[in-house]
Amino acid sequence: MIRKHIRHLIISWLIGIAPHKPPNFGYISQKTKIVVKPGENLTQIAKKFHCTVQSLADYNNIPRNRLNSIIPGQVLKIPN
């Protein structure tokens, strides 16, 4: 399986075609990041990604007294 994937990657690289998405073999941690849209707040984002506001704030180093200070265009990491 892995040899087949490596062969596919090499052939893709040689002909200049990038693969769509690397496979997740169960040990690759892919962190989700989102860009805050106008009108969004931490409560809406937390609900959308099934986490708590506090875990979202902690994961992004947002202090409790600044929970309402996110701005459009800001990049937030989503806890897994």
PDB file of N, CA and C in Angstrom:
ATOM      1  N   MET A   1       0.832  -1.201   0.000  1.00  0.00           N
ATOM      2  CA  MET A   1       0.000   0.000   0.000  1.00  0.00           C
ATOM      3  C   MET A   1       0.866   1.250   0.000  1.00  0.00           C
ATOM      4  N   ILE A   2       1.848   1.291   0.900  1.00  0.00           N
ATOM      5  CA  ILE A   2       2.703   2.473   0.989  1.00  0.00           C
ATOM      6  C   ILE A   2       3.564   2.595  -0.266  1.00  0.00           C
ATOM      7  N   ARG A   3       4.077   1.457  -0.766  1.00  0.00           N
ATOM      8  CA  ARG A   3       4.893   1.497  -1.992  1.00  0.00           C
ATOM      9  C   ARG A   3       4.085   2.037  -3.162  1.00  0.00           C
ATOM     10  N   LYS A   4       2.839   1.618  -3.244  1.00  0.00           N
ATOM     11  CA  LYS A   4       1.977   2.089  -4.323  1.00  0.00           C
ATOM     12  C   LYS A   4       1.780   3.599  -4.220  1.00  0.00           C
ATOM     13  N   HIS A   5       1.578   4.093  -2.999  1.00  0.00           N
ATOM     14  CA  HIS A   5       1.402   5.525  -2.787  1.00  0.00           C
ATOM     15  C   HIS A   5       2.676   6.288  -3.145  1.00  0.00           C
ATOM     16  N   ILE A   6       3.824   5.764  -2.733  1.00  0.00           N
ATOM     17  CA  ILE A   6       5.099   6.428  -3.031  1.00  0.00           C
ATOM     18  C   ILE A   6       5.317   6.455  -4.540  1.00  0.00           C
ATOM     19  N   ARG A   7       5.028   5.341  -5.200  1.00  0.00           N
ATOM     20  CA  ARG A   7       5.170   5.291  -6.654  1.00  0.00           C
ATOM     21  C   ARG A   7       4.272   6.338  -7.307  1.00  0.00           C
ATOM     22  N   HIS A   8       3.040   6.457  -6.824  1.00  0.00           N
ATOM     23  CA  HIS A   8       2.099   7.460  -7.351  1.00  0.00           C
ATOM     24  C   HIS A   8       2.634   8.870  -7.141  1.00  0.00           C
ATOM     25  N   LEU A   9       3.190   9.144  -5.960  1.00  0.00           N
ATOM     26  CA  LEU A   9       3.745  10.465  -5.692  1.00  0.00           C
ATOM     27  C   LEU A   9       4.912  10.780  -6.619  1.00  0.00           C
ATOM     28  N   ILE A  10       5.788   9.812  -6.826  1.00  0.00           N
ATOM     29  CA  ILE A  10       6.948  10.031  -7.696  1.00  0.00           C
ATOM     30  C   ILE A  10       6.498  10.287  -9.133  1.00  0.00           C
ATOM     31  N   ILE A  11       5.571   9.480  -9.613  1.00  0.00           N
ATOM     32  CA  ILE A  11       5.072   9.675 -10.978  1.00  0.00           C
ATOM     33  C   ILE A  11       4.385  11.027 -11.102  1.00  0.00           C
ATOM     34  N   SER A  12       3.587  11.386 -10.104  1.00  0.00           N
ATOM     35  CA  SER A  12       2.907  12.688 -10.119  1.00  0.00           C
ATOM     36  C   SER A  12       3.908  13.823 -10.146  1.00  0.00           C
ATOM     37  N   TRP A  13       4.954  13.696  -9.362  1.00  0.00           N
ATOM     38  CA  TRP A  13       5.979  14.738  -9.306  1.00  0.00           C
ATOM     39  C   TRP A  13       6.697  14.844 -10.648  1.00  0.00           C
ATOM     40  N   LEU A  14       7.007  13.694 -11.250  1.00  0.00           N
ATOM     41  CA  LEU A  14       7.733  13.694 -12.516  1.00  0.00           C
ATOM     42  C   LEU A  14       6.936  14.334 -13.641  1.00  0.00           C
ATOM     43  N   ILE A  15       5.625  14.121 -13.655  1.00  0.00           N
ATOM     44  CA  ILE A  15       4.823  14.693 -14.736  1.00  0.00           C
ATOM     45  C   ILE A  15       4.195  16.031 -14.341  1.00  0.00           C
ATOM     46  N   GLY A  16       4.492  16.485 -13.134  1.00  0.00           N
ATOM     47  CA  GLY A  16       4.054  17.815 -12.715  1.00  0.00           C
ATOM     48  C   GLY A  16       2.638  17.905 -12.198  1.00  0.00           C
ATOM     49  N   ILE A  17       2.084  16.806 -11.748  1.00  0.00           N
ATOM     50  CA  ILE A  17       0.734  16.820 -11.183  1.00  0.00           C
ATOM     51  C   ILE A  17       0.840  16.601  -9.684  1.00  0.00           C
ATOM     52  N   ALA A  18       0.324  17.539  -8.926  1.00  0.00           N
ATOM     53  CA  ALA A  18       0.357  17.394  -7.468  1.00  0.00           C
ATOM     54  C   ALA A  18      -0.813  16.526  -7.021  1.00  0.00           C
ATOM     55  N   PRO A  19      -0.580  15.628  -6.069  1.00  0.00           N
ATOM     56  CA  PRO A  19      -1.697  14.827  -5.546  1.00  0.00           C
ATOM     57  C   PRO A  19      -2.679  15.718  -4.797  1.00  0.00           C
ATOM     58  N   HIS A  20      -3.932  15.307  -4.762  1.00  0.00           N
ATOM     59  CA  HIS A  20      -4.974  16.119  -4.133  1.00  0.00           C
ATOM     60  C   HIS A  20      -4.777  16.289  -2.632  1.00  0.00           C
ATOM     61  N   LYS A  21      -4.542  15.203  -1.939  1.00  0.00           N
ATOM     62  CA  LYS A  21      -4.443  15.254  -0.486  1.00  0.00           C
ATOM     63  C   LYS A  21      -3.583  14.088  -0.015  1.00  0.00           C
ATOM     64  N   PRO A  22      -2.639  14.357   0.892  1.00  0.00           N
ATOM     65  CA  PRO A  22      -1.830  13.243   1.373  1.00  0.00           C
ATOM     66  C   PRO A  22      -2.679  12.288   2.205  1.00  0.00           C
ATOM     67  N   PRO A  23      -2.391  10.999   2.132  1.00  0.00           N
ATOM     68  CA  PRO A  23      -3.187  10.050   2.911  1.00  0.00           C
ATOM     69  C   PRO A  23      -2.879  10.168   4.390  1.00  0.00           C
ATOM     70  N   ASN A  24      -3.860   9.869   5.206  1.00  0.00           N
ATOM     71  CA  ASN A  24      -3.666   9.867   6.649  1.00  0.00           C
ATOM     72  C   ASN A  24      -3.568   8.409   7.080  1.00  0.00           C
ATOM     73  N   PHE A  25      -2.357   7.981   7.451  1.00  0.00           N
ATOM     74  CA  PHE A  25      -2.139   6.593   7.839  1.00  0.00           C
ATOM     75  C   PHE A  25      -2.415   6.365   9.318  1.00  0.00           C
ATOM     76  N   GLY A  26      -3.090   7.308   9.979  1.00  0.00           N
ATOM     77  CA  GLY A  26      -3.454   7.120  11.366  1.00  0.00           C
ATOM     78  C   GLY A  26      -2.465   7.723  12.340  1.00  0.00           C
ATOM     79  N   TYR A  27      -1.332   8.182  11.866  1.00  0.00           N
ATOM     80  CA  TYR A  27      -0.346   8.764  12.770  1.00  0.00           C
ATOM     81  C   TYR A  27       0.021  10.191  12.382  1.00  0.00           C
ATOM     82  N   ILE A  28      -0.608  10.727  11.358  1.00  0.00           N
ATOM     83  CA  ILE A  28      -0.348  12.104  10.954  1.00  0.00           C
ATOM     84  C   ILE A  28      -1.408  12.987  11.601  1.00  0.00           C
ATOM     85  N   SER A  29      -0.975  13.943  12.392  1.00  0.00           N
ATOM     86  CA  SER A  29      -1.916  14.856  13.039  1.00  0.00           C
ATOM     87  C   SER A  29      -2.110  16.071  12.147  1.00  0.00           C
ATOM     88  N   GLN A  30      -3.311  16.262  11.664  1.00  0.00           N
ATOM     89  CA  GLN A  30      -3.597  17.414  10.821  1.00  0.00           C
ATOM     90  C   GLN A  30      -4.434  18.395  11.630  1.00  0.00           C
ATOM     91  N   LYS A  31      -3.863  19.546  11.901  1.00  0.00           N
ATOM     92  CA  LYS A  31      -4.559  20.553  12.684  1.00  0.00           C
ATOM     93  C   LYS A  31      -5.468  21.366  11.761  1.00  0.00           C
ATOM     94  N   THR A  32      -6.699  21.567  12.205  1.00  0.00           N
ATOM     95  CA  THR A  32      -7.650  22.345  11.434  1.00  0.00           C
ATOM     96  C   THR A  32      -7.505  23.814  11.805  1.00  0.00           C
ATOM     97  N   LYS A  33      -7.445  24.649  10.789  1.00  0.00           N
ATOM     98  CA  LYS A  33      -7.397  26.094  10.994  1.00  0.00           C
ATOM     99  C   LYS A  33      -8.529  26.710  10.190  1.00  0.00           C
ATOM    100  N   ILE A  34      -9.122  27.746  10.751  1.00  0.00           N
ATOM    101  CA  ILE A  34     -10.183  28.450  10.037  1.00  0.00           C
ATOM    102  C   ILE A  34      -9.885  29.944  10.059  1.00  0.00           C
ATOM    103  N   VAL A  35     -10.473  30.653   9.123  1.00  0.00           N
ATOM    104  CA  VAL A  35     -10.365  32.109   9.084  1.00  0.00           C
ATOM    105  C   VAL A  35     -11.714  32.661   9.530  1.00  0.00           C
ATOM    106  N   VAL A  36     -11.692  33.544  10.526  1.00  0.00           N
ATOM    107  CA  VAL A  36     -12.928  34.120  11.063  1.00  0.00           C
ATOM    108  C   VAL A  36     -13.587  34.988   9.989  1.00  0.00           C
ATOM    109  N   LYS A  37     -14.887  34.758   9.789  1.00  0.00           N
ATOM    110  CA  LYS A  37     -15.657  35.533   8.814  1.00  0.00           C
ATOM    111  C   LYS A  37     -16.366  36.680   9.525  1.00  0.00           C
ATOM    112  N   PRO A  38     -16.714  37.734   8.788  1.00  0.00           N
ATOM    113  CA  PRO A  38     -17.450  38.835   9.408  1.00  0.00           C
ATOM    114  C   PRO A  38     -18.730  38.343  10.074  1.00  0.00           C
ATOM    115  N   GLY A  39     -18.971  38.790  11.294  1.00  0.00           N
ATOM    116  CA  GLY A  39     -20.172  38.420  12.036  1.00  0.00           C
ATOM    117  C   GLY A  39     -20.035  37.166  12.873  1.00  0.00           C
ATOM    118  N   GLU A  40     -18.954  36.406  12.708  1.00  0.00           N
ATOM    119  CA  GLU A  40     -18.773  35.198  13.503  1.00  0.00           C
ATOM    120  C   GLU A  40     -18.238  35.533  14.884  1.00  0.00           C
ATOM    121  N   ASN A  41     -18.560  34.681  15.843  1.00  0.00           N
ATOM    122  CA  ASN A  41     -17.998  34.818  17.183  1.00  0.00           C
ATOM    123  C   ASN A  41     -17.556  33.437  17.675  1.00  0.00           C
ATOM    124  N   LEU A  42     -16.882  33.397  18.815  1.00  0.00           N
ATOM    125  CA  LEU A  42     -16.350  32.139  19.328  1.00  0.00           C
ATOM    126  C   LEU A  42     -17.449  31.113  19.617  1.00  0.00           C
ATOM    127  N   THR A  43     -18.591  31.570  20.061  1.00  0.00           N
ATOM    128  CA  THR A  43     -19.696  30.653  20.368  1.00  0.00           C
ATOM    129  C   THR A  43     -20.154  29.932  19.107  1.00  0.00           C
ATOM    130  N   GLN A  44     -20.342  30.674  18.019  1.00  0.00           N
ATOM    131  CA  GLN A  44     -20.769  30.068  16.758  1.00  0.00           C
ATOM    132  C   GLN A  44     -19.721  29.094  16.225  1.00  0.00           C
ATOM    133  N   ILE A  45     -18.453  29.497  16.294  1.00  0.00           N
ATOM    134  CA  ILE A  45     -17.366  28.660  15.786  1.00  0.00           C
ATOM    135  C   ILE A  45     -17.242  27.389  16.621  1.00  0.00           C
ATOM    136  N   ALA A  46     -17.320  27.532  17.940  1.00  0.00           N
ATOM    137  CA  ALA A  46     -17.230  26.361  18.824  1.00  0.00           C
ATOM    138  C   ALA A  46     -18.369  25.388  18.542  1.00  0.00           C
ATOM    139  N   LYS A  47     -19.568  25.898  18.355  1.00  0.00           N
ATOM    140  CA  LYS A  47     -20.724  25.047  18.072  1.00  0.00           C
ATOM    141  C   LYS A  47     -20.542  24.328  16.734  1.00  0.00           C
ATOM    142  N   LYS A  48     -20.043  25.039  15.737  1.00  0.00           N
ATOM    143  CA  LYS A  48     -19.842  24.473  14.406  1.00  0.00           C
ATOM    144  C   LYS A  48     -18.839  23.316  14.423  1.00  0.00           C
ATOM    145  N   PHE A  49     -17.805  23.434  15.268  1.00  0.00           N
ATOM    146  CA  PHE A  49     -16.752  22.414  15.313  1.00  0.00           C
ATOM    147  C   PHE A  49     -16.860  21.502  16.539  1.00  0.00           C
ATOM    148  N   HIS A  50     -18.009  21.541  17.212  1.00  0.00           N
ATOM    149  CA  HIS A  50     -18.309  20.628  18.321  1.00  0.00           C
ATOM    150  C   HIS A  50     -17.257  20.678  19.433  1.00  0.00           C
ATOM    151  N   CYS A  51     -16.941  21.884  19.874  1.00  0.00           N
ATOM    152  CA  CYS A  51     -16.041  22.052  21.009  1.00  0.00           C
ATOM    153  C   CYS A  51     -16.612  23.167  21.887  1.00  0.00           C
ATOM    154  N   THR A  52     -15.992  23.392  23.025  1.00  0.00           N
ATOM    155  CA  THR A  52     -16.473  24.457  23.912  1.00  0.00           C
ATOM    156  C   THR A  52     -15.761  25.763  23.576  1.00  0.00           C
ATOM    157  N   VAL A  53     -16.405  26.860  23.949  1.00  0.00           N
ATOM    158  CA  VAL A  53     -15.790  28.178  23.761  1.00  0.00           C
ATOM    159  C   VAL A  53     -14.476  28.239  24.524  1.00  0.00           C
ATOM    160  N   GLN A  54     -14.471  27.710  25.745  1.00  0.00           N
ATOM    161  CA  GLN A  54     -13.260  27.765  26.562  1.00  0.00           C
ATOM    162  C   GLN A  54     -12.120  26.953  25.953  1.00  0.00           C
ATOM    163  N   SER A  55     -12.422  25.763  25.413  1.00  0.00           N
ATOM    164  CA  SER A  55     -11.351  24.966  24.801  1.00  0.00           C
ATOM    165  C   SER A  55     -10.817  25.651  23.545  1.00  0.00           C
ATOM    166  N   LEU A  56     -11.684  26.287  22.780  1.00  0.00           N
ATOM    167  CA  LEU A  56     -11.279  27.040  21.600  1.00  0.00           C
ATOM    168  C   LEU A  56     -10.401  28.226  21.994  1.00  0.00           C
ATOM    169  N   ALA A  57     -10.821  28.945  23.029  1.00  0.00           N
ATOM    170  CA  ALA A  57     -10.047  30.094  23.511  1.00  0.00           C
ATOM    171  C   ALA A  57      -8.691  29.654  24.064  1.00  0.00           C
ATOM    172  N   ASP A  58      -8.685  28.597  24.866  1.00  0.00           N
ATOM    173  CA  ASP A  58      -7.429  28.101  25.434  1.00  0.00           C
ATOM    174  C   ASP A  58      -6.470  27.645  24.342  1.00  0.00           C
ATOM    175  N   TYR A  59      -6.978  26.940  23.346  1.00  0.00           N
ATOM    176  CA  TYR A  59      -6.157  26.409  22.262  1.00  0.00           C
ATOM    177  C   TYR A  59      -5.519  27.529  21.439  1.00  0.00           C
ATOM    178  N   ASN A  60      -6.182  28.694  21.409  1.00  0.00           N
ATOM    179  CA  ASN A  60      -5.683  29.833  20.640  1.00  0.00           C
ATOM    180  C   ASN A  60      -5.094  30.936  21.513  1.00  0.00           C
ATOM    181  N   ASN A  61      -4.872  30.619  22.787  1.00  0.00           N
ATOM    182  CA  ASN A  61      -4.274  31.573  23.741  1.00  0.00           C
ATOM    183  C   ASN A  61      -5.048  32.884  23.823  1.00  0.00           C
ATOM    184  N   ILE A  62      -6.376  32.776  23.835  1.00  0.00           N
ATOM    185  CA  ILE A  62      -7.229  33.957  23.979  1.00  0.00           C
ATOM    186  C   ILE A  62      -7.634  34.034  25.445  1.00  0.00           C
ATOM    187  N   PRO A  63      -7.245  35.113  26.148  1.00  0.00           N
ATOM    188  CA  PRO A  63      -7.605  35.221  27.567  1.00  0.00           C
ATOM    189  C   PRO A  63      -9.119  35.368  27.761  1.00  0.00           C
ATOM    190  N   ARG A  64      -9.587  34.966  28.939  1.00  0.00           N
ATOM    191  CA  ARG A  64     -11.035  35.007  29.225  1.00  0.00           C
ATOM    192  C   ARG A  64     -11.627  36.405  29.079  1.00  0.00           C
ATOM    193  N   ASN A  65     -10.856  37.417  29.390  1.00  0.00           N
ATOM    194  CA  ASN A  65     -11.399  38.782  29.290  1.00  0.00           C
ATOM    195  C   ASN A  65     -11.373  39.312  27.856  1.00  0.00           C
ATOM    196  N   ARG A  66     -10.919  38.502  26.878  1.00  0.00           N
ATOM    197  CA  ARG A  66     -10.852  38.928  25.481  1.00  0.00           C
ATOM    198  C   ARG A  66     -11.643  38.003  24.550  1.00  0.00           C
ATOM    199  N   LEU A  67     -12.587  37.241  25.092  1.00  0.00           N
ATOM    200  CA  LEU A  67     -13.328  36.273  24.284  1.00  0.00           C
ATOM    201  C   LEU A  67     -14.131  36.923  23.156  1.00  0.00           C
ATOM    202  N   ASN A  68     -14.499  38.183  23.308  1.00  0.00           N
ATOM    203  CA  ASN A  68     -15.272  38.885  22.275  1.00  0.00           C
ATOM    204  C   ASN A  68     -14.396  39.714  21.354  1.00  0.00           C
ATOM    205  N   SER A  69     -13.089  39.454  21.383  1.00  0.00           N
ATOM    206  CA  SER A  69     -12.180  40.315  20.625  1.00  0.00           C
ATOM    207  C   SER A  69     -11.661  39.697  19.330  1.00  0.00           C
ATOM    208  N   ILE A  70     -12.275  38.607  18.846  1.00  0.00           N
ATOM    209  CA  ILE A  70     -11.806  38.061  17.576  1.00  0.00           C
ATOM    210  C   ILE A  70     -12.290  38.955  16.441  1.00  0.00           C
ATOM    211  N   ILE A  71     -11.512  38.987  15.373  1.00  0.00           N
ATOM    212  CA  ILE A  71     -11.834  39.887  14.259  1.00  0.00           C
ATOM    213  C   ILE A  71     -11.860  39.107  12.946  1.00  0.00           C
ATOM    214  N   PRO A  72     -12.627  39.570  11.969  1.00  0.00           N
ATOM    215  CA  PRO A  72     -12.643  38.914  10.662  1.00  0.00           C
ATOM    216  C   PRO A  72     -11.229  38.851  10.090  1.00  0.00           C
ATOM    217  N   GLY A  73     -10.906  37.708   9.507  1.00  0.00           N
ATOM    218  CA  GLY A  73      -9.589  37.519   8.938  1.00  0.00           C
ATOM    219  C   GLY A  73      -8.615  36.845   9.884  1.00  0.00           C
ATOM    220  N   GLN A  74      -8.969  36.806  11.172  1.00  0.00           N
ATOM    221  CA  GLN A  74      -8.112  36.157  12.167  1.00  0.00           C
ATOM    222  C   GLN A  74      -8.126  34.647  11.942  1.00  0.00           C
ATOM    223  N   VAL A  75      -6.971  34.012  12.069  1.00  0.00           N
ATOM    224  CA  VAL A  75      -6.864  32.560  11.899  1.00  0.00           C
ATOM    225  C   VAL A  75      -6.938  31.910  13.269  1.00  0.00           C
ATOM    226  N   LEU A  76      -7.843  30.941  13.414  1.00  0.00           N
ATOM    227  CA  LEU A  76      -7.998  30.200  14.660  1.00  0.00           C
ATOM    228  C   LEU A  76      -7.706  28.728  14.414  1.00  0.00           C
ATOM    229  N   LYS A  77      -7.028  28.102  15.360  1.00  0.00           N
ATOM    230  CA  LYS A  77      -6.799  26.660  15.331  1.00  0.00           C
ATOM    231  C   LYS A  77      -7.973  25.990  16.039  1.00  0.00           C
ATOM    232  N   ILE A  78      -8.437  24.893  15.498  1.00  0.00           N
ATOM    233  CA  ILE A  78      -9.559  24.156  16.084  1.00  0.00           C
ATOM    234  C   ILE A  78      -9.019  22.950  16.819  1.00  0.00           C
ATOM    235  N   PRO A  79      -9.340  22.831  18.129  1.00  0.00           N
ATOM    236  CA  PRO A  79      -8.861  21.654  18.872  1.00  0.00           C
ATOM    237  C   PRO A  79      -9.516  20.384  18.360  1.00  0.00           C
ATOM    238  N   ASN A  80      -8.754  19.301  18.340  1.00  0.00           N
ATOM    239  CA  ASN A  80      -9.285  18.020  17.858  1.00  0.00           C
ATOM    240  C   ASN A  80      -9.982  17.290  18.977  1.00  0.00           C
TER     241      ASN A  80
END
